[in-house]
Amino acid sequence: MKLSNLAVLISAILLTACANPLNRVTSENYADTCSVAESNGRLDVAEDACYRALANVDWGNLGPELKSQKLYNLARIKRRLAKFTEAEALLKESLQIEENLPTQSDLRKGRRLVELSVDLAGQDKWTEGSPHLDRAVSMADKFSPQERSFTAEVLKQYSMHMRSSGDAALADRFETMASSLR
């Protein structure tokens, strides 16, 4: 009797340790729901669906790259809901994963850095956010035109804030960077 219980336990552990295709499908279904809900302005639904997509990546042990993407997606929704502290934590985790992947993507890192700078600005942490934004600009050549435009607007906002807080040199640099992205 004890041997059969042990066999069940070992089987359960082995199943948990392997990537689960059912979790992948479920995660992608939730990710699709998140995307549709976001485009329809249903951010509450999007937040829940993005969270569930992330949870299924964890439960299914689906790998760091997919986890990073789901963290990023949830963080974007959190930012749009003005849940900046939560978004910041998610983005920092996603960025850490991206920086530890064997094949790093400047595009993915750059996106996360811009989003992180926006979340920090939303918490009035402009000084903490400016180095992230500065780093992102060096990767912005890989951004889509829409992402470049968004980044330019973020740079303009940072420039205005830096100027009003007395850092004219950084404000000028951010303005120059913003102009180069348009």
N, C-alpha and C. Protein backbone atom coordinates (compact mmCIF):
# COMPACT_ATOMS: atom_id res chain seq x y z
N MET A 1 0.83 -1.19 0.00
CA MET A 1 0.00 0.00 0.00
C MET A 1 0.87 1.25 0.00
N LYS A 2 1.90 1.27 0.82
CA LYS A 2 2.76 2.43 0.88
C LYS A 2 3.53 2.62 -0.42
N LEU A 3 3.86 1.53 -1.10
CA LEU A 3 4.59 1.61 -2.35
C LEU A 3 3.75 2.30 -3.42
N SER A 4 2.45 2.03 -3.46
CA SER A 4 1.59 2.68 -4.46
C SER A 4 1.44 4.17 -4.16
N ASN A 5 1.38 4.55 -2.90
CA ASN A 5 1.33 5.98 -2.54
C ASN A 5 2.60 6.69 -2.97
N LEU A 6 3.72 6.03 -2.79
CA LEU A 6 5.00 6.60 -3.19
C LEU A 6 5.06 6.77 -4.71
N ALA A 7 4.54 5.80 -5.44
CA ALA A 7 4.52 5.88 -6.90
C ALA A 7 3.66 7.05 -7.38
N VAL A 8 2.52 7.24 -6.73
CA VAL A 8 1.65 8.36 -7.08
C VAL A 8 2.36 9.69 -6.79
N LEU A 9 3.01 9.78 -5.66
CA LEU A 9 3.72 10.99 -5.29
C LEU A 9 4.84 11.30 -6.27
N ILE A 10 5.62 10.31 -6.63
CA ILE A 10 6.72 10.50 -7.58
C ILE A 10 6.17 10.91 -8.95
N SER A 11 5.09 10.30 -9.38
CA SER A 11 4.46 10.66 -10.64
C SER A 11 3.99 12.12 -10.63
N ALA A 12 3.41 12.53 -9.53
CA ALA A 12 2.93 13.91 -9.41
C ALA A 12 4.09 14.89 -9.47
N ILE A 13 5.17 14.56 -8.80
CA ILE A 13 6.35 15.44 -8.80
C ILE A 13 6.94 15.54 -10.20
N LEU A 14 7.03 14.42 -10.89
CA LEU A 14 7.57 14.43 -12.25
C LEU A 14 6.69 15.23 -13.20
N LEU A 15 5.40 15.08 -13.07
CA LEU A 15 4.48 15.84 -13.91
C LEU A 15 4.60 17.34 -13.65
N THR A 16 4.75 17.71 -12.41
CA THR A 16 4.86 19.12 -12.05
C THR A 16 6.15 19.71 -12.57
N ALA A 17 7.21 18.92 -12.61
CA ALA A 17 8.51 19.42 -13.03
C ALA A 17 8.62 19.60 -14.54
N CYS A 18 7.75 19.00 -15.29
CA CYS A 18 7.81 19.09 -16.75
C CYS A 18 6.87 20.18 -17.26
N ALA A 19 7.25 20.79 -18.36
CA ALA A 19 6.38 21.78 -18.98
C ALA A 19 5.09 21.09 -19.40
N ASN A 20 3.99 21.68 -19.06
CA ASN A 20 2.69 21.09 -19.29
C ASN A 20 2.01 21.76 -20.48
N PRO A 21 1.74 21.00 -21.56
CA PRO A 21 1.11 21.60 -22.74
C PRO A 21 -0.28 22.18 -22.46
N LEU A 22 -1.00 21.59 -21.51
CA LEU A 22 -2.32 22.11 -21.17
C LEU A 22 -2.19 23.51 -20.57
N ASN A 23 -1.17 23.71 -19.73
CA ASN A 23 -0.95 25.03 -19.16
C ASN A 23 -0.56 26.04 -20.25
N ARG A 24 0.18 25.60 -21.25
CA ARG A 24 0.56 26.50 -22.35
C ARG A 24 -0.68 26.97 -23.10
N VAL A 25 -1.55 26.04 -23.45
CA VAL A 25 -2.78 26.40 -24.16
C VAL A 25 -3.66 27.30 -23.30
N THR A 26 -3.80 26.94 -22.03
CA THR A 26 -4.62 27.75 -21.12
C THR A 26 -4.03 29.15 -20.97
N SER A 27 -2.71 29.23 -20.82
CA SER A 27 -2.06 30.53 -20.70
C SER A 27 -2.29 31.38 -21.93
N GLU A 28 -2.17 30.79 -23.10
CA GLU A 28 -2.38 31.54 -24.34
C GLU A 28 -3.84 31.97 -24.50
N ASN A 29 -4.76 31.13 -24.07
CA ASN A 29 -6.18 31.52 -24.12
C ASN A 29 -6.44 32.73 -23.22
N TYR A 30 -5.87 32.70 -22.02
CA TYR A 30 -6.01 33.85 -21.12
C TYR A 30 -5.31 35.08 -21.70
N ALA A 31 -4.16 34.88 -22.32
CA ALA A 31 -3.44 36.01 -22.93
C ALA A 31 -4.28 36.64 -24.05
N ASP A 32 -4.93 35.80 -24.85
CA ASP A 32 -5.82 36.32 -25.90
C ASP A 32 -6.98 37.10 -25.29
N THR A 33 -7.57 36.57 -24.23
CA THR A 33 -8.66 37.26 -23.54
C THR A 33 -8.18 38.59 -23.01
N CYS A 34 -6.99 38.61 -22.45
CA CYS A 34 -6.40 39.85 -21.92
C CYS A 34 -6.27 40.88 -23.03
N SER A 35 -5.74 40.46 -24.15
CA SER A 35 -5.53 41.38 -25.28
C SER A 35 -6.85 41.96 -25.80
N VAL A 36 -7.84 41.10 -25.97
CA VAL A 36 -9.15 41.56 -26.45
C VAL A 36 -9.79 42.50 -25.44
N ALA A 37 -9.73 42.13 -24.17
CA ALA A 37 -10.32 42.97 -23.13
C ALA A 37 -9.63 44.33 -23.08
N GLU A 38 -8.31 44.33 -23.22
CA GLU A 38 -7.58 45.60 -23.22
C GLU A 38 -8.00 46.47 -24.40
N SER A 39 -8.10 45.88 -25.56
CA SER A 39 -8.48 46.68 -26.74
C SER A 39 -9.92 47.18 -26.65
N ASN A 40 -10.75 46.50 -25.86
CA ASN A 40 -12.13 46.94 -25.65
C ASN A 40 -12.29 47.85 -24.44
N GLY A 41 -11.16 48.19 -23.80
CA GLY A 41 -11.20 49.08 -22.65
C GLY A 41 -11.67 48.44 -21.36
N ARG A 42 -11.74 47.13 -21.33
CA ARG A 42 -12.15 46.40 -20.13
C ARG A 42 -10.91 46.00 -19.34
N LEU A 43 -10.29 46.97 -18.72
CA LEU A 43 -9.02 46.73 -18.05
C LEU A 43 -9.15 45.81 -16.85
N ASP A 44 -10.32 45.80 -16.18
CA ASP A 44 -10.52 44.88 -15.06
C ASP A 44 -10.48 43.44 -15.53
N VAL A 45 -11.12 43.18 -16.67
CA VAL A 45 -11.12 41.84 -17.25
C VAL A 45 -9.71 41.50 -17.75
N ALA A 46 -9.07 42.47 -18.37
CA ALA A 46 -7.71 42.26 -18.89
C ALA A 46 -6.75 41.92 -17.75
N GLU A 47 -6.87 42.64 -16.65
CA GLU A 47 -5.99 42.39 -15.50
C GLU A 47 -6.14 40.95 -15.01
N ASP A 48 -7.37 40.51 -14.84
CA ASP A 48 -7.62 39.15 -14.36
C ASP A 48 -7.09 38.12 -15.36
N ALA A 49 -7.35 38.32 -16.64
CA ALA A 49 -6.91 37.37 -17.65
C ALA A 49 -5.39 37.33 -17.77
N CYS A 50 -4.74 38.49 -17.71
CA CYS A 50 -3.27 38.51 -17.76
C CYS A 50 -2.68 37.82 -16.54
N TYR A 51 -3.29 38.02 -15.38
CA TYR A 51 -2.83 37.34 -14.17
C TYR A 51 -2.94 35.82 -14.35
N ARG A 52 -4.06 35.38 -14.88
CA ARG A 52 -4.26 33.93 -15.07
C ARG A 52 -3.31 33.36 -16.11
N ALA A 53 -3.00 34.14 -17.14
CA ALA A 53 -2.01 33.70 -18.13
C ALA A 53 -0.65 33.50 -17.46
N LEU A 54 -0.27 34.43 -16.60
CA LEU A 54 1.00 34.33 -15.87
C LEU A 54 0.99 33.13 -14.92
N ALA A 55 -0.11 32.95 -14.21
CA ALA A 55 -0.20 31.83 -13.26
C ALA A 55 -0.04 30.49 -13.98
N ASN A 56 -0.62 30.36 -15.16
CA ASN A 56 -0.49 29.10 -15.90
C ASN A 56 0.93 28.88 -16.41
N VAL A 57 1.65 29.94 -16.70
CA VAL A 57 3.06 29.79 -17.07
C VAL A 57 3.84 29.23 -15.88
N ASP A 58 3.56 29.77 -14.70
CA ASP A 58 4.24 29.27 -13.49
C ASP A 58 3.84 27.83 -13.20
N TRP A 59 2.55 27.56 -13.20
CA TRP A 59 2.07 26.21 -12.88
C TRP A 59 2.59 25.17 -13.87
N GLY A 60 2.69 25.55 -15.12
CA GLY A 60 3.13 24.62 -16.15
C GLY A 60 4.64 24.59 -16.34
N ASN A 61 5.35 25.43 -15.58
CA ASN A 61 6.81 25.47 -15.71
C ASN A 61 7.20 25.69 -17.17
N LEU A 62 6.66 26.75 -17.78
CA LEU A 62 6.78 26.97 -19.22
C LEU A 62 8.00 27.78 -19.64
N GLY A 63 8.84 28.13 -18.71
CA GLY A 63 10.11 28.75 -19.07
C GLY A 63 10.17 30.25 -18.82
N PRO A 64 11.40 30.74 -18.69
CA PRO A 64 11.59 32.14 -18.33
C PRO A 64 11.18 33.15 -19.40
N GLU A 65 11.38 32.83 -20.65
CA GLU A 65 11.03 33.79 -21.71
C GLU A 65 9.52 34.05 -21.72
N LEU A 66 8.74 32.99 -21.63
CA LEU A 66 7.29 33.14 -21.62
C LEU A 66 6.83 33.83 -20.33
N LYS A 67 7.49 33.50 -19.22
CA LYS A 67 7.14 34.16 -17.96
C LYS A 67 7.42 35.65 -18.05
N SER A 68 8.54 36.02 -18.62
CA SER A 68 8.88 37.44 -18.77
C SER A 68 7.81 38.17 -19.58
N GLN A 69 7.36 37.54 -20.66
CA GLN A 69 6.34 38.18 -21.50
C GLN A 69 5.02 38.35 -20.75
N LYS A 70 4.63 37.35 -20.00
CA LYS A 70 3.36 37.44 -19.25
C LYS A 70 3.47 38.47 -18.11
N LEU A 71 4.63 38.55 -17.48
CA LEU A 71 4.86 39.59 -16.46
C LEU A 71 4.72 40.97 -17.09
N TYR A 72 5.34 41.15 -18.24
CA TYR A 72 5.30 42.43 -18.96
C TYR A 72 3.86 42.80 -19.34
N ASN A 73 3.12 41.83 -19.86
CA ASN A 73 1.73 42.11 -20.25
C ASN A 73 0.89 42.54 -19.05
N LEU A 74 1.03 41.83 -17.94
CA LEU A 74 0.28 42.18 -16.74
C LEU A 74 0.71 43.55 -16.22
N ALA A 75 1.99 43.84 -16.27
CA ALA A 75 2.49 45.13 -15.81
C ALA A 75 1.91 46.28 -16.63
N ARG A 76 1.80 46.09 -17.94
CA ARG A 76 1.21 47.15 -18.79
C ARG A 76 -0.22 47.45 -18.38
N ILE A 77 -0.98 46.39 -18.09
CA ILE A 77 -2.36 46.58 -17.66
C ILE A 77 -2.39 47.28 -16.30
N LYS A 78 -1.54 46.85 -15.39
CA LYS A 78 -1.47 47.48 -14.07
C LYS A 78 -1.16 48.97 -14.21
N ARG A 79 -0.25 49.32 -15.13
CA ARG A 79 0.08 50.74 -15.34
C ARG A 79 -1.15 51.49 -15.81
N ARG A 80 -1.87 50.91 -16.75
CA ARG A 80 -3.06 51.59 -17.28
C ARG A 80 -4.13 51.74 -16.20
N LEU A 81 -4.10 50.88 -15.19
CA LEU A 81 -5.03 50.99 -14.06
C LEU A 81 -4.47 51.87 -12.95
N ALA A 82 -3.32 52.49 -13.21
CA ALA A 82 -2.63 53.35 -12.24
C ALA A 82 -2.20 52.59 -10.98
N LYS A 83 -1.94 51.31 -11.14
CA LYS A 83 -1.39 50.48 -10.05
C LYS A 83 0.13 50.42 -10.25
N PHE A 84 0.75 51.59 -10.10
CA PHE A 84 2.15 51.76 -10.48
C PHE A 84 3.11 50.92 -9.66
N THR A 85 2.86 50.78 -8.38
CA THR A 85 3.76 50.00 -7.53
C THR A 85 3.75 48.53 -7.95
N GLU A 86 2.57 48.00 -8.21
CA GLU A 86 2.47 46.61 -8.66
C GLU A 86 3.13 46.43 -10.02
N ALA A 87 2.89 47.38 -10.92
CA ALA A 87 3.50 47.31 -12.25
C ALA A 87 5.02 47.38 -12.15
N GLU A 88 5.52 48.23 -11.28
CA GLU A 88 6.97 48.36 -11.09
C GLU A 88 7.59 47.02 -10.71
N ALA A 89 7.00 46.35 -9.74
CA ALA A 89 7.54 45.06 -9.28
C ALA A 89 7.52 44.02 -10.40
N LEU A 90 6.43 43.98 -11.15
CA LEU A 90 6.32 43.02 -12.26
C LEU A 90 7.37 43.31 -13.34
N LEU A 91 7.55 44.59 -13.66
CA LEU A 91 8.52 44.96 -14.69
C LEU A 91 9.95 44.68 -14.25
N LYS A 92 10.25 44.93 -13.00
CA LYS A 92 11.60 44.64 -12.51
C LYS A 92 11.89 43.15 -12.58
N GLU A 93 10.89 42.33 -12.25
CA GLU A 93 11.08 40.88 -12.36
C GLU A 93 11.26 40.46 -13.82
N SER A 94 10.44 41.01 -14.69
CA SER A 94 10.54 40.70 -16.12
C SER A 94 11.89 41.13 -16.67
N LEU A 95 12.34 42.33 -16.32
CA LEU A 95 13.62 42.83 -16.79
C LEU A 95 14.78 41.96 -16.29
N GLN A 96 14.69 41.54 -15.04
CA GLN A 96 15.73 40.66 -14.51
C GLN A 96 15.79 39.34 -15.29
N ILE A 97 14.63 38.79 -15.61
CA ILE A 97 14.59 37.56 -16.40
C ILE A 97 15.23 37.81 -17.76
N GLU A 98 14.84 38.91 -18.42
CA GLU A 98 15.37 39.22 -19.75
C GLU A 98 16.89 39.35 -19.73
N GLU A 99 17.41 39.97 -18.67
CA GLU A 99 18.85 40.18 -18.60
C GLU A 99 19.62 38.90 -18.28
N ASN A 100 18.91 37.86 -17.85
CA ASN A 100 19.57 36.59 -17.54
C ASN A 100 19.33 35.52 -18.60
N LEU A 101 18.57 35.84 -19.64
CA LEU A 101 18.34 34.87 -20.71
C LEU A 101 19.63 34.67 -21.51
N PRO A 102 19.86 33.47 -22.01
CA PRO A 102 21.09 33.24 -22.79
C PRO A 102 21.14 34.09 -24.07
N THR A 103 20.00 34.28 -24.71
CA THR A 103 19.94 35.15 -25.88
C THR A 103 19.06 36.34 -25.52
N GLN A 104 19.70 37.46 -25.28
CA GLN A 104 18.99 38.65 -24.84
C GLN A 104 18.45 39.43 -26.04
N SER A 105 17.35 40.11 -25.81
CA SER A 105 16.72 40.92 -26.84
C SER A 105 16.70 42.38 -26.39
N ASP A 106 17.39 43.22 -27.15
CA ASP A 106 17.35 44.65 -26.84
C ASP A 106 15.94 45.21 -26.98
N LEU A 107 15.18 44.69 -27.90
CA LEU A 107 13.80 45.16 -28.09
C LEU A 107 12.98 44.90 -26.83
N ARG A 108 13.01 43.68 -26.33
CA ARG A 108 12.23 43.36 -25.13
C ARG A 108 12.74 44.13 -23.91
N LYS A 109 14.06 44.22 -23.75
CA LYS A 109 14.61 44.97 -22.62
C LYS A 109 14.22 46.44 -22.73
N GLY A 110 14.33 47.01 -23.91
CA GLY A 110 13.99 48.41 -24.10
C GLY A 110 12.54 48.72 -23.77
N ARG A 111 11.65 47.85 -24.19
CA ARG A 111 10.22 48.03 -23.87
C ARG A 111 10.01 48.05 -22.36
N ARG A 112 10.64 47.14 -21.68
CA ARG A 112 10.46 47.05 -20.23
C ARG A 112 11.05 48.28 -19.52
N LEU A 113 12.16 48.76 -20.02
CA LEU A 113 12.79 49.94 -19.42
C LEU A 113 11.90 51.18 -19.59
N VAL A 114 11.29 51.34 -20.76
CA VAL A 114 10.39 52.49 -20.97
C VAL A 114 9.19 52.37 -20.05
N GLU A 115 8.58 51.20 -20.00
CA GLU A 115 7.42 51.00 -19.13
C GLU A 115 7.79 51.25 -17.66
N LEU A 116 8.95 50.77 -17.27
CA LEU A 116 9.40 50.97 -15.89
C LEU A 116 9.56 52.46 -15.59
N SER A 117 10.12 53.21 -16.53
CA SER A 117 10.28 54.65 -16.30
C SER A 117 8.93 55.34 -16.18
N VAL A 118 7.93 54.88 -16.92
CA VAL A 118 6.58 55.45 -16.82
C VAL A 118 5.98 55.12 -15.46
N ASP A 119 6.13 53.88 -15.01
CA ASP A 119 5.60 53.49 -13.70
C ASP A 119 6.25 54.28 -12.57
N LEU A 120 7.55 54.50 -12.68
CA LEU A 120 8.24 55.27 -11.65
C LEU A 120 7.80 56.73 -11.67
N ALA A 121 7.60 57.28 -12.85
CA ALA A 121 7.10 58.65 -12.95
C ALA A 121 5.71 58.74 -12.33
N GLY A 122 4.89 57.72 -12.53
CA GLY A 122 3.55 57.68 -11.95
C GLY A 122 3.57 57.69 -10.42
N GLN A 123 4.70 57.31 -9.85
CA GLN A 123 4.88 57.32 -8.39
C GLN A 123 5.70 58.54 -7.95
N ASP A 124 5.92 59.47 -8.88
CA ASP A 124 6.72 60.67 -8.64
C ASP A 124 8.16 60.31 -8.28
N LYS A 125 8.67 59.24 -8.91
CA LYS A 125 10.06 58.82 -8.73
C LYS A 125 10.83 59.10 -10.02
N TRP A 126 10.77 60.34 -10.46
CA TRP A 126 11.37 60.73 -11.74
C TRP A 126 12.88 60.48 -11.76
N THR A 127 13.54 60.80 -10.69
CA THR A 127 15.00 60.63 -10.64
C THR A 127 15.38 59.16 -10.74
N GLU A 128 14.60 58.31 -10.09
CA GLU A 128 14.85 56.86 -10.17
C GLU A 128 14.54 56.32 -11.56
N GLY A 129 13.57 56.91 -12.23
CA GLY A 129 13.17 56.43 -13.55
C GLY A 129 14.06 56.89 -14.69
N SER A 130 14.73 58.03 -14.51
CA SER A 130 15.51 58.58 -15.63
C SER A 130 16.64 57.67 -16.13
N PRO A 131 17.38 56.95 -15.27
CA PRO A 131 18.41 56.05 -15.82
C PRO A 131 17.82 54.91 -16.67
N HIS A 132 16.63 54.44 -16.29
CA HIS A 132 15.98 53.38 -17.08
C HIS A 132 15.60 53.91 -18.46
N LEU A 133 15.07 55.12 -18.48
CA LEU A 133 14.69 55.73 -19.75
C LEU A 133 15.92 55.99 -20.60
N ASP A 134 16.98 56.46 -19.97
CA ASP A 134 18.24 56.71 -20.66
C ASP A 134 18.75 55.42 -21.32
N ARG A 135 18.71 54.31 -20.59
CA ARG A 135 19.13 53.01 -21.14
C ARG A 135 18.26 52.58 -22.30
N ALA A 136 16.96 52.83 -22.18
CA ALA A 136 16.02 52.38 -23.20
C ALA A 136 16.27 53.06 -24.55
N VAL A 137 16.68 54.31 -24.51
CA VAL A 137 16.87 55.06 -25.76
C VAL A 137 17.92 54.40 -26.64
N SER A 138 18.93 53.81 -26.04
CA SER A 138 19.97 53.15 -26.84
C SER A 138 19.43 51.91 -27.56
N MET A 139 18.27 51.44 -27.14
CA MET A 139 17.66 50.25 -27.75
C MET A 139 16.46 50.62 -28.64
N ALA A 140 16.11 51.89 -28.68
CA ALA A 140 14.88 52.34 -29.34
C ALA A 140 14.92 52.21 -30.85
N ASP A 141 16.10 52.03 -31.43
CA ASP A 141 16.16 51.87 -32.88
C ASP A 141 15.43 50.61 -33.34
N LYS A 142 15.19 49.68 -32.43
CA LYS A 142 14.48 48.44 -32.76
C LYS A 142 12.97 48.56 -32.53
N PHE A 143 12.53 49.66 -31.94
CA PHE A 143 11.11 49.87 -31.64
C PHE A 143 10.31 50.11 -32.92
N SER A 144 9.03 49.79 -32.85
CA SER A 144 8.11 50.12 -33.93
C SER A 144 7.91 51.64 -33.94
N PRO A 145 7.38 52.20 -35.03
CA PRO A 145 7.11 53.64 -35.04
C PRO A 145 6.22 54.10 -33.88
N GLN A 146 5.23 53.30 -33.54
CA GLN A 146 4.34 53.65 -32.43
C GLN A 146 5.11 53.64 -31.10
N GLU A 147 5.97 52.66 -30.90
CA GLU A 147 6.77 52.59 -29.68
C GLU A 147 7.77 53.75 -29.60
N ARG A 148 8.34 54.11 -30.76
CA ARG A 148 9.27 55.25 -30.79
C ARG A 148 8.53 56.53 -30.41
N SER A 149 7.34 56.69 -30.92
CA SER A 149 6.53 57.87 -30.61
C SER A 149 6.19 57.92 -29.12
N PHE A 150 5.79 56.79 -28.57
CA PHE A 150 5.47 56.71 -27.14
C PHE A 150 6.70 57.05 -26.31
N THR A 151 7.85 56.49 -26.68
CA THR A 151 9.09 56.76 -25.96
C THR A 151 9.46 58.24 -26.05
N ALA A 152 9.27 58.83 -27.23
CA ALA A 152 9.55 60.27 -27.38
C ALA A 152 8.66 61.09 -26.45
N GLU A 153 7.40 60.70 -26.32
CA GLU A 153 6.49 61.43 -25.42
C GLU A 153 6.93 61.26 -23.96
N VAL A 154 7.35 60.07 -23.59
CA VAL A 154 7.85 59.84 -22.23
C VAL A 154 9.08 60.71 -21.99
N LEU A 155 9.98 60.77 -22.97
CA LEU A 155 11.16 61.61 -22.84
C LEU A 155 10.78 63.08 -22.68
N LYS A 156 9.78 63.53 -23.40
CA LYS A 156 9.34 64.92 -23.28
C LYS A 156 8.79 65.19 -21.87
N GLN A 157 8.02 64.26 -21.35
CA GLN A 157 7.48 64.42 -19.99
C GLN A 157 8.62 64.46 -18.96
N TYR A 158 9.58 63.57 -19.12
CA TYR A 158 10.73 63.58 -18.22
C TYR A 158 11.51 64.88 -18.36
N SER A 159 11.67 65.35 -19.58
CA SER A 159 12.38 66.60 -19.82
C SER A 159 11.71 67.76 -19.10
N MET A 160 10.39 67.84 -19.21
CA MET A 160 9.66 68.92 -18.54
C MET A 160 9.83 68.83 -17.02
N HIS A 161 9.76 67.62 -16.50
CA HIS A 161 9.91 67.46 -15.05
C HIS A 161 11.33 67.81 -14.61
N MET A 162 12.32 67.36 -15.35
CA MET A 162 13.71 67.63 -14.98
C MET A 162 13.98 69.14 -15.03
N ARG A 163 13.43 69.79 -16.03
CA ARG A 163 13.61 71.24 -16.14
C ARG A 163 12.99 71.96 -14.94
N SER A 164 11.77 71.54 -14.56
CA SER A 164 11.10 72.20 -13.44
C SER A 164 11.78 71.91 -12.10
N SER A 165 12.54 70.81 -12.04
CA SER A 165 13.25 70.50 -10.79
C SER A 165 14.69 70.98 -10.81
N GLY A 166 15.04 71.76 -11.86
CA GLY A 166 16.34 72.41 -11.88
C GLY A 166 17.46 71.66 -12.58
N ASP A 167 17.17 70.55 -13.23
CA ASP A 167 18.22 69.80 -13.94
C ASP A 167 18.10 70.09 -15.44
N ALA A 168 18.53 71.28 -15.84
CA ALA A 168 18.41 71.71 -17.24
C ALA A 168 19.23 70.85 -18.19
N ALA A 169 20.39 70.39 -17.75
CA ALA A 169 21.25 69.59 -18.62
C ALA A 169 20.57 68.27 -19.00
N LEU A 170 19.99 67.59 -18.02
CA LEU A 170 19.29 66.34 -18.29
C LEU A 170 18.02 66.61 -19.11
N ALA A 171 17.35 67.71 -18.81
CA ALA A 171 16.16 68.08 -19.58
C ALA A 171 16.52 68.29 -21.05
N ASP A 172 17.61 68.99 -21.31
CA ASP A 172 18.04 69.22 -22.69
C ASP A 172 18.39 67.91 -23.39
N ARG A 173 19.07 67.03 -22.66
CA ARG A 173 19.46 65.73 -23.24
C ARG A 173 18.22 64.90 -23.59
N PHE A 174 17.22 64.88 -22.69
CA PHE A 174 16.00 64.14 -22.97
C PHE A 174 15.23 64.74 -24.15
N GLU A 175 15.24 66.08 -24.26
CA GLU A 175 14.57 66.73 -25.40
C GLU A 175 15.25 66.33 -26.71
N THR A 176 16.56 66.30 -26.69
CA THR A 176 17.32 65.91 -27.89
C THR A 176 17.01 64.46 -28.25
N MET A 177 16.97 63.60 -27.24
CA MET A 177 16.64 62.19 -27.49
C MET A 177 15.24 62.06 -28.06
N ALA A 178 14.30 62.81 -27.52
CA ALA A 178 12.91 62.76 -28.01
C ALA A 178 12.86 63.16 -29.47
N SER A 179 13.58 64.21 -29.83
CA SER A 179 13.59 64.68 -31.23
C SER A 179 14.18 63.62 -32.16
N SER A 180 15.17 62.89 -31.69
CA SER A 180 15.81 61.88 -32.53
C SER A 180 14.88 60.68 -32.79
N LEU A 181 13.88 60.51 -31.96
CA LEU A 181 12.97 59.37 -32.14
C LEU A 181 11.79 59.68 -33.05
N ARG A 182 11.60 60.92 -33.38
CA ARG A 182 10.44 61.31 -34.23
C ARG A 182 10.80 61.24 -35.68
